[in-house]
Amino acid sequence: MRDDNCIFCKLANGDIPTNSIYEDEDFNVILDASPATKGHALILPKQHYANMFEMMKYNVLQNNGEVAGQTVFHFHMHLKSTGIIKVFR
């Protein structure tokens, strides 16, 4: 569901023009209009979620150190679908 009063819903769904760098039916990745650093981007779901805990269809994973299973020692995060929908084909 979308929230018509949410600025991010409007940005994600193209109601407000953006500099999109990736888009599919579930997400729009846009360059931040007021970037904190060069390349600052926002990964916006097209459906409205108030926080990560409402996104039950996804697992967000970030491992810190070898003991946690990190194998590439450059900070990164994983966004994984639970199989209900396809993400980043």
N, C-alpha and C. Protein backbone atom coordinates (compact mmCIF):
# COMPACT_ATOMS: atom_id res chain seq x y z
N MET A 1 0.83 -1.17 0.00
CA MET A 1 0.00 0.00 0.00
C MET A 1 0.88 1.24 0.00
N ARG A 2 0.44 2.24 -0.66
CA ARG A 2 1.13 3.54 -0.68
C ARG A 2 0.49 4.49 0.31
N ASP A 3 1.27 5.42 0.79
CA ASP A 3 0.76 6.49 1.64
C ASP A 3 0.87 7.78 0.83
N ASP A 4 -0.25 8.33 0.41
CA ASP A 4 -0.25 9.52 -0.44
C ASP A 4 0.30 10.76 0.26
N ASN A 5 0.48 10.71 1.57
CA ASN A 5 1.05 11.83 2.31
C ASN A 5 2.56 11.66 2.56
N CYS A 6 3.14 10.58 2.05
CA CYS A 6 4.55 10.27 2.30
C CYS A 6 5.42 10.74 1.13
N ILE A 7 6.39 11.61 1.40
CA ILE A 7 7.28 12.12 0.36
C ILE A 7 8.08 11.00 -0.29
N PHE A 8 8.51 10.00 0.50
CA PHE A 8 9.29 8.90 -0.09
C PHE A 8 8.42 8.02 -0.98
N CYS A 9 7.15 7.83 -0.65
CA CYS A 9 6.25 7.08 -1.55
C CYS A 9 6.13 7.81 -2.89
N LYS A 10 6.02 9.14 -2.82
CA LYS A 10 5.91 9.94 -4.04
C LYS A 10 7.19 9.86 -4.86
N LEU A 11 8.35 9.91 -4.21
CA LEU A 11 9.63 9.81 -4.92
C LEU A 11 9.80 8.41 -5.52
N ALA A 12 9.50 7.38 -4.75
CA ALA A 12 9.69 6.00 -5.21
C ALA A 12 8.81 5.64 -6.39
N ASN A 13 7.63 6.23 -6.45
CA ASN A 13 6.67 5.88 -7.49
C ASN A 13 6.62 6.87 -8.64
N GLY A 14 7.56 7.82 -8.68
CA GLY A 14 7.67 8.72 -9.82
C GLY A 14 6.72 9.90 -9.83
N ASP A 15 6.04 10.14 -8.71
CA ASP A 15 5.15 11.30 -8.65
C ASP A 15 5.93 12.61 -8.59
N ILE A 16 7.16 12.52 -8.08
CA ILE A 16 8.08 13.65 -8.02
C ILE A 16 9.33 13.24 -8.80
N PRO A 17 9.82 14.08 -9.71
CA PRO A 17 11.00 13.71 -10.50
C PRO A 17 12.23 13.47 -9.62
N THR A 18 13.02 12.45 -9.99
CA THR A 18 14.24 12.09 -9.26
C THR A 18 15.34 11.72 -10.24
N ASN A 19 16.53 11.55 -9.72
CA ASN A 19 17.64 10.98 -10.48
C ASN A 19 17.73 9.51 -10.11
N SER A 20 16.96 8.68 -10.81
CA SER A 20 16.89 7.26 -10.53
C SER A 20 18.10 6.55 -11.13
N ILE A 21 18.72 5.65 -10.33
CA ILE A 21 19.85 4.88 -10.85
C ILE A 21 19.51 3.41 -11.00
N TYR A 22 18.38 2.97 -10.44
CA TYR A 22 17.87 1.61 -10.63
C TYR A 22 16.40 1.61 -10.26
N GLU A 23 15.61 0.85 -11.02
CA GLU A 23 14.19 0.74 -10.70
C GLU A 23 13.66 -0.59 -11.19
N ASP A 24 12.80 -1.21 -10.38
CA ASP A 24 12.02 -2.36 -10.80
C ASP A 24 10.63 -2.21 -10.20
N GLU A 25 9.82 -3.25 -10.23
CA GLU A 25 8.44 -3.08 -9.75
C GLU A 25 8.34 -2.91 -8.24
N ASP A 26 9.39 -3.25 -7.49
CA ASP A 26 9.34 -3.18 -6.04
C ASP A 26 10.13 -2.03 -5.43
N PHE A 27 11.20 -1.60 -6.09
CA PHE A 27 12.10 -0.59 -5.53
C PHE A 27 12.47 0.46 -6.56
N ASN A 28 12.83 1.63 -6.06
CA ASN A 28 13.46 2.67 -6.87
C ASN A 28 14.67 3.15 -6.08
N VAL A 29 15.83 3.13 -6.71
CA VAL A 29 17.06 3.62 -6.07
C VAL A 29 17.36 4.97 -6.71
N ILE A 30 17.42 6.00 -5.88
CA ILE A 30 17.59 7.36 -6.39
C ILE A 30 18.79 8.03 -5.73
N LEU A 31 19.38 8.98 -6.44
CA LEU A 31 20.42 9.80 -5.83
C LEU A 31 19.74 10.80 -4.90
N ASP A 32 20.31 10.98 -3.72
CA ASP A 32 19.77 11.91 -2.73
C ASP A 32 19.83 13.34 -3.28
N ALA A 33 18.76 14.10 -3.11
CA ALA A 33 18.70 15.48 -3.61
C ALA A 33 19.62 16.41 -2.83
N SER A 34 19.91 16.07 -1.57
CA SER A 34 20.83 16.84 -0.73
C SER A 34 21.87 15.88 -0.16
N PRO A 35 22.77 15.38 -1.00
CA PRO A 35 23.66 14.30 -0.57
C PRO A 35 24.63 14.70 0.54
N ALA A 36 24.83 13.78 1.47
CA ALA A 36 25.82 13.98 2.53
C ALA A 36 27.22 13.76 1.98
N THR A 37 27.32 12.89 0.97
CA THR A 37 28.59 12.60 0.29
C THR A 37 28.29 12.32 -1.18
N LYS A 38 29.32 12.34 -2.01
CA LYS A 38 29.15 12.02 -3.42
C LYS A 38 28.63 10.58 -3.55
N GLY A 39 27.62 10.41 -4.37
CA GLY A 39 27.06 9.08 -4.60
C GLY A 39 26.02 8.64 -3.59
N HIS A 40 25.64 9.53 -2.66
CA HIS A 40 24.63 9.21 -1.64
C HIS A 40 23.32 8.83 -2.33
N ALA A 41 22.86 7.61 -2.11
CA ALA A 41 21.65 7.12 -2.76
C ALA A 41 20.66 6.59 -1.72
N LEU A 42 19.40 6.57 -2.09
CA LEU A 42 18.33 6.03 -1.25
C LEU A 42 17.71 4.83 -1.95
N ILE A 43 17.56 3.73 -1.24
CA ILE A 43 16.85 2.55 -1.75
C ILE A 43 15.45 2.63 -1.18
N LEU A 44 14.49 2.94 -2.04
CA LEU A 44 13.12 3.18 -1.59
C LEU A 44 12.17 2.07 -2.06
N PRO A 45 11.52 1.37 -1.14
CA PRO A 45 10.47 0.45 -1.57
C PRO A 45 9.29 1.26 -2.10
N LYS A 46 8.62 0.75 -3.11
CA LYS A 46 7.48 1.46 -3.68
C LYS A 46 6.24 1.38 -2.80
N GLN A 47 6.19 0.37 -1.95
CA GLN A 47 5.12 0.27 -0.97
C GLN A 47 5.56 1.01 0.29
N HIS A 48 4.61 1.49 1.07
CA HIS A 48 4.94 2.26 2.27
C HIS A 48 5.22 1.33 3.46
N TYR A 49 6.38 1.51 4.06
CA TYR A 49 6.74 0.85 5.32
C TYR A 49 7.29 1.92 6.24
N ALA A 50 6.81 2.00 7.46
CA ALA A 50 7.27 3.02 8.40
C ALA A 50 8.69 2.73 8.88
N ASN A 51 9.05 1.44 8.92
CA ASN A 51 10.39 1.06 9.38
C ASN A 51 10.74 -0.32 8.84
N MET A 52 11.96 -0.75 9.08
CA MET A 52 12.44 -2.03 8.56
C MET A 52 11.63 -3.21 9.11
N PHE A 53 11.13 -3.09 10.32
CA PHE A 53 10.40 -4.20 10.94
C PHE A 53 9.07 -4.49 10.25
N GLU A 54 8.52 -3.51 9.53
CA GLU A 54 7.28 -3.72 8.79
C GLU A 54 7.53 -4.44 7.45
N MET A 55 8.78 -4.50 7.04
CA MET A 55 9.13 -5.13 5.76
C MET A 55 9.31 -6.63 5.96
N MET A 56 8.25 -7.32 6.31
CA MET A 56 8.34 -8.74 6.63
C MET A 56 8.76 -9.60 5.44
N LYS A 57 8.69 -9.06 4.23
CA LYS A 57 9.05 -9.81 3.04
C LYS A 57 10.56 -9.86 2.83
N TYR A 58 11.31 -9.10 3.61
CA TYR A 58 12.75 -8.97 3.39
C TYR A 58 13.54 -9.23 4.64
N ASN A 59 14.74 -9.72 4.44
CA ASN A 59 15.72 -9.82 5.51
C ASN A 59 16.85 -8.86 5.17
N VAL A 60 17.24 -8.04 6.11
CA VAL A 60 18.38 -7.16 5.92
C VAL A 60 19.50 -7.73 6.78
N LEU A 61 20.64 -7.99 6.16
CA LEU A 61 21.73 -8.68 6.83
C LEU A 61 23.02 -7.88 6.70
N GLN A 62 23.73 -7.75 7.79
CA GLN A 62 25.03 -7.09 7.77
C GLN A 62 25.91 -7.81 8.78
N ASN A 63 26.98 -8.45 8.31
CA ASN A 63 27.90 -9.19 9.17
C ASN A 63 29.11 -8.32 9.51
N ASN A 64 29.54 -8.37 10.77
CA ASN A 64 30.71 -7.61 11.22
C ASN A 64 31.78 -8.56 11.72
N GLY A 65 32.81 -8.73 10.92
CA GLY A 65 33.96 -9.56 11.31
C GLY A 65 33.82 -11.01 10.95
N GLU A 66 34.95 -11.69 10.97
CA GLU A 66 35.01 -13.11 10.59
C GLU A 66 34.11 -13.98 11.45
N VAL A 67 34.06 -13.70 12.75
CA VAL A 67 33.25 -14.49 13.66
C VAL A 67 31.76 -14.43 13.30
N ALA A 68 31.33 -13.34 12.64
CA ALA A 68 29.93 -13.18 12.24
C ALA A 68 29.67 -13.68 10.83
N GLY A 69 30.71 -14.19 10.17
CA GLY A 69 30.52 -14.73 8.83
C GLY A 69 30.90 -13.77 7.71
N GLN A 70 31.49 -12.63 8.05
CA GLN A 70 31.91 -11.70 7.00
C GLN A 70 33.09 -12.31 6.25
N THR A 71 32.99 -12.37 4.91
CA THR A 71 34.06 -12.95 4.10
C THR A 71 34.74 -11.91 3.21
N VAL A 72 34.05 -10.82 2.91
CA VAL A 72 34.63 -9.72 2.15
C VAL A 72 34.70 -8.55 3.11
N PHE A 73 35.92 -8.10 3.41
CA PHE A 73 36.10 -7.10 4.45
C PHE A 73 36.06 -5.69 3.88
N HIS A 74 34.89 -5.39 3.34
CA HIS A 74 34.51 -4.06 2.87
C HIS A 74 33.05 -3.94 3.28
N PHE A 75 32.70 -2.92 4.05
CA PHE A 75 31.33 -2.81 4.56
C PHE A 75 30.31 -2.94 3.44
N HIS A 76 29.31 -3.78 3.66
CA HIS A 76 28.21 -3.94 2.73
C HIS A 76 27.02 -4.54 3.49
N MET A 77 25.85 -4.41 2.91
CA MET A 77 24.63 -4.98 3.48
C MET A 77 23.95 -5.82 2.43
N HIS A 78 23.21 -6.80 2.86
CA HIS A 78 22.45 -7.66 1.97
C HIS A 78 20.96 -7.38 2.19
N LEU A 79 20.21 -7.31 1.10
CA LEU A 79 18.77 -7.22 1.16
C LEU A 79 18.25 -8.48 0.48
N LYS A 80 17.61 -9.34 1.25
CA LYS A 80 17.20 -10.64 0.72
C LYS A 80 15.68 -10.77 0.76
N SER A 81 15.12 -11.21 -0.35
CA SER A 81 13.70 -11.51 -0.40
C SER A 81 13.45 -12.82 0.31
N THR A 82 12.29 -12.96 0.90
CA THR A 82 11.94 -14.23 1.53
C THR A 82 11.35 -15.18 0.50
N GLY A 83 11.35 -14.78 -0.76
CA GLY A 83 10.82 -15.62 -1.82
C GLY A 83 9.41 -15.25 -2.20
N ILE A 84 8.79 -14.35 -1.45
CA ILE A 84 7.43 -13.93 -1.76
C ILE A 84 7.44 -13.08 -3.02
N ILE A 85 8.43 -12.23 -3.15
CA ILE A 85 8.57 -11.43 -4.37
C ILE A 85 10.02 -11.47 -4.81
N LYS A 86 10.28 -11.15 -6.05
CA LYS A 86 11.65 -11.13 -6.57
C LYS A 86 12.24 -9.75 -6.36
N VAL A 87 13.53 -9.71 -6.01
CA VAL A 87 14.22 -8.45 -5.75
C VAL A 87 15.46 -8.39 -6.62
N PHE A 88 15.72 -7.24 -7.24
CA PHE A 88 16.94 -6.99 -8.02
C PHE A 88 17.28 -8.15 -8.94
N ARG A 89 16.44 -8.39 -9.91
CA ARG A 89 16.65 -9.49 -10.84
C ARG A 89 17.92 -9.32 -11.61
